[in-house]
Protein backbone atom coordinates (compact mmCIF):
# COMPACT_ATOMS: atom_id res chain seq x y z
CA MET A 1 105.88 57.26 -91.14
CA PRO A 2 106.91 55.00 -92.17
CA ALA A 3 104.76 52.85 -94.10
CA THR A 4 103.75 50.65 -91.21
CA ALA A 5 102.95 51.26 -87.56
CA GLU A 6 106.01 52.01 -85.48
CA SER A 7 107.11 50.58 -82.15
CA PRO A 8 105.15 51.82 -79.12
CA ALA A 9 106.84 54.03 -76.59
CA GLY A 10 107.18 51.31 -73.97
CA LEU A 11 110.49 49.56 -74.62
CA PRO A 12 111.64 46.09 -73.53
CA ALA A 13 113.41 45.85 -70.23
CA GLU A 14 117.18 46.11 -70.50
CA PRO A 15 119.89 44.76 -68.21
CA PRO A 16 120.89 47.19 -65.45
CA VAL A 17 123.04 49.99 -66.76
CA ASP A 18 125.16 52.59 -65.10
CA LEU A 19 123.03 55.69 -65.50
CA THR A 20 123.56 58.64 -63.22
CA VAL A 21 120.48 59.66 -61.27
CA ASP A 22 119.07 63.19 -61.02
CA LEU A 23 121.33 65.96 -59.86
CA PRO A 24 121.39 66.33 -56.05
CA ALA A 25 118.73 68.60 -54.66
CA GLU A 26 121.33 70.67 -52.77
CA PRO A 27 124.63 70.57 -54.66
CA PRO A 28 127.76 72.04 -53.13
CA VAL A 29 127.84 75.77 -53.58
CA ASP A 30 130.49 76.81 -56.06
CA GLN A 31 130.71 79.06 -59.06
CA THR A 32 130.05 76.26 -61.57
CA VAL A 33 126.89 75.18 -59.80
CA ASP A 34 125.73 78.79 -59.53
CA GLN A 35 126.20 79.22 -63.27
CA THR A 36 124.32 75.97 -63.95
CA VAL A 37 121.44 76.99 -61.72
CA ASP A 38 121.28 80.44 -63.34
CA LEU A 39 121.22 78.85 -66.78
CA ALA A 40 118.42 76.47 -65.80
CA VAL A 41 116.38 79.30 -64.33
CA ASP A 42 116.90 81.36 -67.48
CA LEU A 43 115.80 78.52 -69.75
CA ARG A 44 112.72 77.79 -67.65
CA GLU A 45 111.75 81.45 -67.60
CA ARG A 46 112.23 81.69 -71.36
CA ALA A 47 110.12 78.58 -71.88
CA ALA A 48 107.33 80.05 -69.75
CA ALA A 49 107.48 83.32 -71.70
CA LEU A 50 107.41 81.50 -75.04
CA ASP A 51 104.44 79.41 -73.96
CA ALA A 52 102.60 82.51 -72.76
CA ALA A 53 103.10 84.17 -76.14
CA ASP A 54 102.23 81.06 -78.17
CA GLU A 55 98.98 81.50 -80.09
CA LEU A 56 98.70 77.72 -80.54
CA ALA A 57 99.15 76.89 -76.85
CA LYS A 58 95.38 76.77 -76.26
CA LEU A 59 95.11 73.88 -78.73
CA ARG A 60 96.52 71.55 -76.09
CA GLU A 61 93.02 71.60 -74.58
CA ARG A 62 91.81 69.72 -77.66
CA PHE A 63 93.79 66.65 -76.56
CA THR A 64 93.71 64.16 -73.70
CA LEU A 65 97.21 63.82 -72.26
CA PRO A 66 98.39 62.17 -69.03
CA ASP A 67 99.35 64.56 -66.24
CA GLY A 68 103.07 64.92 -65.67
CA VAL A 69 104.10 63.38 -68.99
CA VAL A 70 106.08 65.14 -71.72
CA TYR A 71 104.95 63.38 -74.88
CA LEU A 72 107.50 63.64 -77.69
CA ASP A 73 106.51 60.56 -79.67
CA GLY A 74 103.76 62.04 -81.83
CA ASN A 75 105.88 61.15 -84.85
CA SER A 76 105.03 57.51 -84.02
CA LEU A 77 101.56 57.81 -82.48
CA GLY A 78 99.74 61.08 -82.01
CA ALA A 79 97.95 61.94 -78.77
CA LEU A 80 94.23 61.32 -78.31
CA PRO A 81 92.03 64.23 -79.44
CA ALA A 82 89.43 64.97 -76.78
CA THR A 83 86.42 64.47 -79.08
CA VAL A 84 87.31 60.99 -80.29
CA ALA A 85 86.09 58.94 -77.32
CA ASP A 86 82.53 60.28 -77.43
CA THR A 87 82.36 60.05 -81.22
CA THR A 88 83.56 56.47 -81.20
CA ALA A 89 81.04 55.59 -78.49
CA ASP A 90 78.27 57.04 -80.65
CA VAL A 91 79.44 55.08 -83.70
CA VAL A 92 79.37 51.86 -81.71
CA ARG A 93 76.24 52.34 -79.61
CA ARG A 94 73.92 54.29 -81.91
CA GLN A 95 75.15 54.09 -85.48
CA TRP A 96 76.04 50.41 -85.31
CA GLY A 97 74.00 49.28 -82.32
CA GLU A 98 70.70 51.00 -83.20
CA LEU A 99 70.74 51.97 -86.85
CA LEU A 100 72.59 48.82 -87.88
CA ILE A 101 73.07 48.56 -91.65
CA ARG A 102 71.03 51.73 -92.21
CA SER A 103 74.12 53.69 -91.13
CA TRP A 104 75.78 53.09 -94.48
CA ASP A 105 73.32 55.67 -95.80
CA GLU A 106 71.88 57.49 -92.79
CA SER A 107 75.20 57.99 -90.97
CA GLY A 108 77.26 58.56 -94.11
CA TRP A 109 79.46 55.51 -93.78
CA TRP A 110 79.61 54.92 -97.53
CA THR A 111 80.94 58.38 -98.34
CA ALA A 112 83.42 58.51 -95.44
CA PRO A 113 86.60 57.77 -97.49
CA GLU A 114 86.08 60.81 -99.74
CA ARG A 115 84.60 63.06 -97.03
CA ILE A 116 87.54 62.45 -94.71
CA GLY A 117 89.94 62.72 -97.64
CA ASP A 118 88.63 66.22 -98.24
CA LYS A 119 89.37 67.07 -94.57
CA ILE A 120 92.97 65.91 -95.03
CA ALA A 121 93.38 67.65 -98.38
CA PRO A 122 94.00 71.19 -97.01
CA LEU A 123 96.67 69.80 -94.69
CA VAL A 124 98.64 68.48 -97.67
CA GLY A 125 97.89 71.36 -100.03
CA ALA A 126 95.36 69.57 -102.22
CA ALA A 127 92.06 70.69 -103.69
CA PRO A 128 88.99 68.58 -102.88
CA GLY A 129 88.39 65.34 -104.75
CA GLN A 130 92.01 64.15 -104.88
CA VAL A 131 92.46 62.30 -101.57
CA THR A 132 90.73 59.10 -100.55
CA VAL A 133 91.12 57.45 -97.14
CA GLY A 134 91.33 53.72 -96.48
CA ASP A 135 93.67 50.75 -96.20
CA SER A 136 97.19 51.03 -94.75
CA THR A 137 100.08 53.16 -95.97
CA SER A 138 101.72 50.01 -97.33
CA VAL A 139 98.67 49.05 -99.38
CA ASN A 140 98.26 52.60 -100.69
CA LEU A 141 101.94 52.74 -101.58
CA PHE A 142 101.59 49.54 -103.58
CA LYS A 143 98.62 51.00 -105.45
CA ALA A 144 100.51 54.24 -106.06
CA LEU A 145 103.72 52.62 -107.33
CA VAL A 146 102.04 50.17 -109.68
CA GLY A 147 99.65 52.90 -110.82
CA ALA A 148 102.59 55.25 -111.39
CA ALA A 149 104.44 52.62 -113.44
CA ARG A 150 101.32 52.22 -115.60
CA LEU A 151 101.15 55.99 -116.07
CA ALA A 152 104.82 56.23 -117.06
CA ALA A 153 105.96 56.51 -120.66
CA PRO A 154 106.62 53.17 -122.42
CA GLY A 155 110.15 51.83 -122.53
CA ARG A 156 111.29 53.18 -119.17
CA THR A 157 112.95 50.65 -116.91
CA GLU A 158 113.88 52.19 -113.56
CA LEU A 159 112.13 52.81 -110.25
CA LEU A 160 114.26 55.22 -108.18
CA VAL A 161 113.82 54.66 -104.45
CA ASP A 162 115.11 56.61 -101.45
CA ALA A 163 117.99 54.43 -100.21
CA ALA A 164 117.30 55.41 -96.59
CA THR A 165 113.56 54.85 -96.82
CA PHE A 166 111.45 53.21 -94.13
CA PRO A 167 111.96 49.45 -94.74
CA THR A 168 108.37 48.68 -95.78
CA ASP A 169 108.57 51.29 -98.56
CA GLY A 170 111.55 49.38 -99.91
CA TYR A 171 109.80 46.03 -99.66
CA ILE A 172 106.71 47.34 -101.44
CA ALA A 173 108.83 49.03 -104.11
CA ALA A 174 110.64 45.76 -104.84
CA SER A 175 107.33 43.94 -105.21
CA ALA A 176 105.85 46.66 -107.43
CA ALA A 177 108.99 46.57 -109.58
CA ARG A 178 108.70 42.80 -110.06
CA MET A 179 105.07 43.20 -111.10
CA THR A 180 105.72 46.01 -113.59
CA GLY A 181 109.07 44.90 -115.00
CA LEU A 182 111.03 47.80 -113.52
CA THR A 183 114.40 47.68 -111.79
CA VAL A 184 114.75 49.26 -108.34
CA VAL A 185 117.57 51.81 -108.20
CA PRO A 186 118.35 52.91 -104.60
CA VAL A 187 119.57 56.49 -104.41
CA GLU A 188 120.38 58.99 -101.70
CA PRO A 189 117.81 61.80 -101.86
CA GLY A 190 120.55 64.39 -102.21
CA GLU A 191 121.73 62.59 -105.34
CA ALA A 192 118.30 61.71 -106.71
CA ALA A 193 118.06 64.55 -109.22
CA ALA A 194 121.40 63.62 -110.78
CA ALA A 195 120.35 59.97 -110.97
CA MET A 196 117.17 60.69 -112.95
CA GLY A 197 117.25 60.23 -116.68
CA PRO A 198 115.44 58.87 -119.75
CA ALA A 199 115.19 55.39 -118.18
CA THR A 200 113.47 56.67 -115.03
CA ALA A 201 109.83 55.68 -114.87
CA VAL A 202 108.93 56.37 -111.23
CA VAL A 203 110.60 58.20 -108.34
CA LEU A 204 109.66 57.24 -104.75
CA LEU A 205 110.93 59.55 -102.01
CA ASN A 206 110.18 60.33 -98.36
CA HIS A 207 109.39 63.95 -97.61
CA VAL A 208 111.03 63.62 -94.17
CA ASP A 209 113.52 60.91 -93.21
CA TYR A 210 112.09 58.87 -90.33
CA ARG A 211 115.45 58.36 -88.58
CA THR A 212 117.06 61.77 -88.80
CA GLY A 213 114.16 64.15 -89.36
CA ARG A 214 115.83 65.50 -92.50
CA LEU A 215 113.40 67.34 -94.79
CA HIS A 216 113.92 66.67 -98.48
CA ASP A 217 113.27 69.23 -101.20
CA LEU A 218 109.89 68.16 -102.57
CA PRO A 219 109.49 71.06 -105.03
CA ALA A 220 112.94 70.70 -106.58
CA LEU A 221 112.94 66.90 -106.72
CA THR A 222 109.45 66.80 -108.20
CA ALA A 223 110.49 69.33 -110.85
CA ALA A 224 113.63 67.29 -111.61
CA ALA A 225 111.56 64.13 -112.07
CA HIS A 226 109.13 65.88 -114.38
CA ALA A 227 112.00 67.33 -116.39
CA VAL A 228 112.99 63.78 -117.40
CA GLY A 229 109.37 62.65 -117.82
CA ALA A 230 109.13 60.53 -114.65
CA ILE A 231 106.16 60.11 -112.30
CA THR A 232 106.62 61.05 -108.63
CA VAL A 233 105.31 59.24 -105.55
CA TRP A 234 105.92 60.94 -102.20
CA ASP A 235 105.63 59.35 -98.75
CA LEU A 236 104.27 62.05 -96.41
CA CYS A 237 104.13 60.01 -93.20
CA HIS A 238 106.54 62.29 -91.32
CA SER A 239 105.51 65.61 -92.81
CA ALA A 240 101.71 65.84 -93.18
CA GLY A 241 100.37 67.71 -90.16
CA ALA A 242 103.79 69.07 -89.23
CA LEU A 243 104.63 71.37 -92.14
CA PRO A 244 103.19 72.64 -95.42
CA VAL A 245 103.33 70.07 -98.22
CA ASP A 246 101.59 71.87 -101.13
CA LEU A 247 101.03 68.89 -103.39
CA ASP A 248 98.98 70.79 -105.96
CA ALA A 249 101.27 73.82 -106.06
CA HIS A 250 104.29 71.64 -106.82
CA ALA A 251 102.48 69.36 -109.31
CA VAL A 252 103.10 66.15 -107.36
CA ASP A 253 101.65 63.15 -109.18
CA LEU A 254 100.86 60.71 -106.35
CA ALA A 255 101.37 60.69 -102.60
CA VAL A 256 100.60 58.47 -99.64
CA GLY A 257 100.62 58.98 -95.91
CA CYS A 258 99.51 57.60 -92.58
CA THR A 259 97.13 59.40 -90.21
CA TYR A 260 98.21 58.12 -86.79
CA LYS A 261 101.25 60.38 -86.39
CA TYR A 262 100.90 64.17 -86.67
CA LEU A 263 97.24 63.81 -87.74
CA ASN A 264 96.44 61.99 -84.46
CA GLY A 265 94.05 59.47 -85.99
CA GLY A 266 94.78 56.69 -83.51
CA PRO A 267 96.65 53.37 -83.63
CA GLY A 268 96.15 51.66 -86.96
CA ALA A 269 94.11 54.56 -88.35
CA PRO A 270 93.49 54.29 -92.10
CA ALA A 271 95.98 55.88 -94.46
CA TYR A 272 95.32 58.02 -97.52
CA LEU A 273 96.21 58.19 -101.18
CA TYR A 274 96.49 61.41 -103.22
CA ILE A 275 95.94 61.16 -106.97
CA ALA A 276 96.41 64.43 -108.83
CA GLU A 277 93.26 65.28 -110.76
CA ARG A 278 95.10 65.19 -114.09
CA HIS A 279 95.96 61.50 -113.55
CA GLN A 280 92.68 60.23 -112.16
CA GLU A 281 91.06 59.13 -115.41
CA SER A 282 94.16 57.10 -116.36
CA PHE A 283 95.02 55.76 -112.90
CA ASP A 284 94.90 51.95 -113.11
CA SER A 285 94.87 50.46 -109.62
CA PRO A 286 96.44 47.02 -109.20
CA LEU A 287 93.77 46.27 -106.56
CA PRO A 288 90.40 46.81 -108.26
CA GLY A 289 88.00 46.07 -105.43
CA TRP A 290 84.23 46.33 -105.44
CA ASN A 291 84.32 49.55 -103.42
CA GLY A 292 86.22 51.23 -106.26
CA HIS A 293 83.72 50.14 -108.91
CA ALA A 294 81.69 52.76 -110.74
CA ASP A 295 78.52 50.83 -109.80
CA PRO A 296 79.52 48.69 -106.83
CA PHE A 297 76.10 47.20 -106.16
CA ALA A 298 75.57 46.09 -109.75
CA MET A 299 77.85 43.16 -108.93
CA THR A 300 78.96 42.81 -112.54
CA PRO A 301 81.78 40.41 -113.47
CA ASP A 302 83.67 43.15 -115.31
CA TYR A 303 85.37 46.01 -113.49
CA THR A 304 84.65 49.61 -114.38
CA PRO A 305 86.59 52.06 -112.15
CA ALA A 306 84.73 54.78 -110.32
CA PRO A 307 85.42 58.36 -111.40
CA GLY A 308 87.97 60.44 -109.53
CA ALA A 309 90.12 59.32 -106.62
CA SER A 310 87.36 56.92 -105.50
CA ARG A 311 88.73 54.38 -107.98
CA ALA A 312 91.54 53.78 -105.48
CA ARG A 313 89.08 52.27 -102.99
CA VAL A 314 89.32 48.50 -102.63
CA GLY A 315 87.24 46.71 -99.99
CA THR A 316 84.79 47.67 -97.27
CA PRO A 317 86.19 50.56 -95.21
CA ASP A 318 87.14 50.10 -91.56
CA ILE A 319 84.35 52.29 -90.27
CA LEU A 320 85.28 52.35 -86.57
CA SER A 321 88.82 53.59 -87.26
CA MET A 322 87.64 55.76 -90.15
CA LEU A 323 85.15 57.73 -88.06
CA ALA A 324 87.57 58.00 -85.13
CA LEU A 325 89.98 59.64 -87.59
CA GLU A 326 87.26 61.99 -88.81
CA ALA A 327 86.65 63.17 -85.24
CA ALA A 328 90.40 63.49 -84.63
CA LEU A 329 90.77 65.82 -87.61
CA ASP A 330 88.41 68.28 -85.91
CA ALA A 331 91.40 69.24 -83.76
CA TRP A 332 92.67 71.06 -86.88
CA ASP A 333 89.68 73.37 -87.15
CA GLY A 334 90.92 76.93 -87.71
CA VAL A 335 94.59 75.93 -87.49
CA PRO A 336 96.83 77.13 -90.36
CA VAL A 337 99.59 74.69 -91.25
CA GLU A 338 101.98 77.64 -91.65
CA ALA A 339 101.55 78.55 -87.97
CA VAL A 340 102.20 74.94 -87.01
CA ARG A 341 105.41 74.96 -89.03
CA ALA A 342 106.61 78.18 -87.41
CA LYS A 343 106.05 76.75 -83.94
CA SER A 344 107.66 73.44 -84.91
CA LEU A 345 110.86 75.18 -85.93
CA ALA A 346 110.85 77.34 -82.80
CA LEU A 347 110.31 74.27 -80.58
CA THR A 348 113.07 72.24 -82.18
CA ASP A 349 115.46 75.22 -82.11
CA PHE A 350 114.76 75.73 -78.40
CA PHE A 351 115.11 72.03 -77.63
CA LEU A 352 118.49 71.88 -79.34
CA GLU A 353 119.57 74.96 -77.38
CA CYS A 354 118.48 73.32 -74.12
CA VAL A 355 120.26 70.08 -75.01
CA ALA A 356 123.46 72.05 -75.61
CA ALA A 357 123.04 73.73 -72.24
CA TYR A 358 122.11 70.71 -70.11
CA VAL A 359 123.81 67.71 -71.68
CA PRO A 360 127.59 67.33 -71.22
CA GLU A 361 129.48 68.18 -74.38
CA GLY A 362 130.33 65.19 -76.54
CA THR A 363 127.66 62.98 -74.99
CA VAL A 364 125.10 63.29 -77.76
CA GLU A 365 125.30 64.32 -81.41
CA SER A 366 122.35 65.77 -83.31
CA VAL A 367 121.84 64.05 -86.66
CA THR A 368 118.95 66.38 -87.51
CA PRO A 369 119.88 69.25 -89.84
CA THR A 370 120.19 72.64 -88.18
CA GLU A 371 118.96 74.48 -91.29
CA HIS A 372 115.23 75.12 -91.16
CA ALA A 373 114.83 74.30 -94.85
CA ARG A 374 116.14 70.78 -94.21
CA ARG A 375 114.45 69.97 -90.90
CA GLY A 376 111.14 68.22 -90.29
CA SER A 377 109.44 68.28 -86.88
CA GLN A 378 111.68 65.96 -84.92
CA VAL A 379 115.13 65.98 -83.39
CA SER A 380 117.26 62.85 -83.49
CA LEU A 381 120.25 62.53 -81.17
CA ARG A 382 122.92 59.88 -81.57
CA THR A 383 124.43 58.46 -78.40
CA GLY A 384 125.87 55.27 -77.00
CA ASN A 385 123.51 52.96 -75.09
CA ALA A 386 120.58 54.80 -76.67
CA ARG A 387 117.97 52.16 -75.90
CA ALA A 388 118.73 52.23 -72.18
CA VAL A 389 118.81 56.03 -72.16
CA MET A 390 115.35 56.20 -73.75
CA THR A 391 114.02 53.63 -71.30
CA GLU A 392 115.28 55.82 -68.46
CA LEU A 393 113.77 58.94 -70.00
CA ILE A 394 110.39 57.24 -70.28
CA SER A 395 110.60 56.13 -66.65
CA ARG A 396 111.04 59.80 -65.73
CA GLY A 397 108.00 60.92 -67.70
CA VAL A 398 109.64 62.03 -70.96
CA VAL A 399 108.37 59.85 -73.79
CA GLY A 400 110.34 59.72 -77.02
CA ASP A 401 111.53 56.66 -78.89
CA PHE A 402 114.62 54.77 -80.00
CA ARG A 403 115.85 53.69 -83.42
CA ALA A 404 118.59 51.12 -83.76
CA PRO A 405 121.39 51.22 -83.25
CA ASP A 406 122.01 54.52 -81.48
CA VAL A 407 119.33 57.16 -82.15
CA LEU A 408 117.04 58.90 -79.66
CA ARG A 409 114.05 60.41 -81.51
CA PHE A 410 111.98 63.30 -80.18
CA GLY A 411 108.91 64.28 -82.17
CA PHE A 412 107.42 67.75 -81.69
CA THR A 413 103.70 68.03 -82.41
CA PRO A 414 102.95 71.76 -82.12
CA LEU A 415 99.25 71.25 -81.45
CA TYR A 416 99.98 69.92 -77.96
CA VAL A 417 103.72 70.23 -77.23
CA GLY A 418 104.98 73.41 -75.58
CA PHE A 419 108.31 75.05 -74.84
CA ALA A 420 108.24 73.99 -71.18
CA ASP A 421 107.97 70.40 -72.45
CA ALA A 422 111.08 70.91 -74.59
CA GLU A 423 113.03 72.40 -71.67
CA ARG A 424 112.04 69.61 -69.27
CA ALA A 425 112.93 66.91 -71.79
CA ALA A 426 116.41 68.35 -72.33
CA ARG A 427 116.93 68.91 -68.60
CA THR A 428 115.95 65.31 -67.84
CA LEU A 429 118.33 64.06 -70.50
CA GLY A 430 121.05 66.17 -68.92
CA HIS A 431 120.35 64.67 -65.49
CA ILE A 432 120.76 61.17 -66.91
CA PHE A 433 124.14 62.03 -68.42
CA GLY A 434 125.20 64.44 -65.67
């Protein structure tokens, strides 16, 4: 995600629009209607069969979801894991209310950023000790970009930035460039490799485009950056928890990501920063806070960074959100990311098939790549009057979201979304346009 929290599902009221209501319960009997009914029955039966065969279907029980709602906005805010409420109540009532300040030691508050980072690490393909949790994605991105510029070879002048990036990433990149004397060079990800050269210091790219769901080639682009001696920073907001990332395997230098989307950490949950082990000793954070000090309670006037990724810590962690995230990550116990990716592709394939079957031709256009190698875990459909269409979908119990000016976004979180959800969402969209 984006580097900052995205709009909630509930959208502002719009002026009345001419939207067709659901198909009549008893349409006139003719061959076309018979074919439509047969198709709908076939798709529903296939969805039921796919759900019955889905080895991940039982994971839905690990989440608290409203009855009757198809939730396809997990790429903005993940659903509530069932264990979080009780854990949060314990943190408030016992750890804070009874143990008070003793909880920094007795409840493990002080070590939470690294402990939770090590729970995230397998989901992004990282060995332990390289991920620390805390602050927002925007703050972590600022640390990463300035730190990357300080790691880059002397004399380099350019910071390559994904031209279609989430706006905050662009704002932060511009600020980091001013601080480090670099020049921001916007580039389309498909042209990024060709744009890299001896002047390139840092390359900032999104693994998955937040508007279209397009998956960019992290291995190839990282290799291209390294071939010219540049440092890579990847934004994983729309990929971590939805597909394999493999940061270590592909020698990524630095990466950031949020935890409130596919990782289901809750609204405003703390983000994370990955620092490859080989860079940790040289990583120079632009925000040297007391929490990142090698001896934080010495209260010395001079700053000595802590060893490892802990040097990226800044101020006192947000313990309530931090420990809610830790409980949320328990939903991943025993779940291989590869299985999640396989289901994600199957869900989005089936949804696109249902959209083609239910929605009148020419009404919507998918802007999400059809090729699996280029698709994240969302489907984005372009249509006129998109805001009003999404408002109507939400009123009928199908929650996705809207991106200006004309994009309907549907996020598929395989841990709790099933094939019947995909079929119902497409069928409801078809009723609106029917």
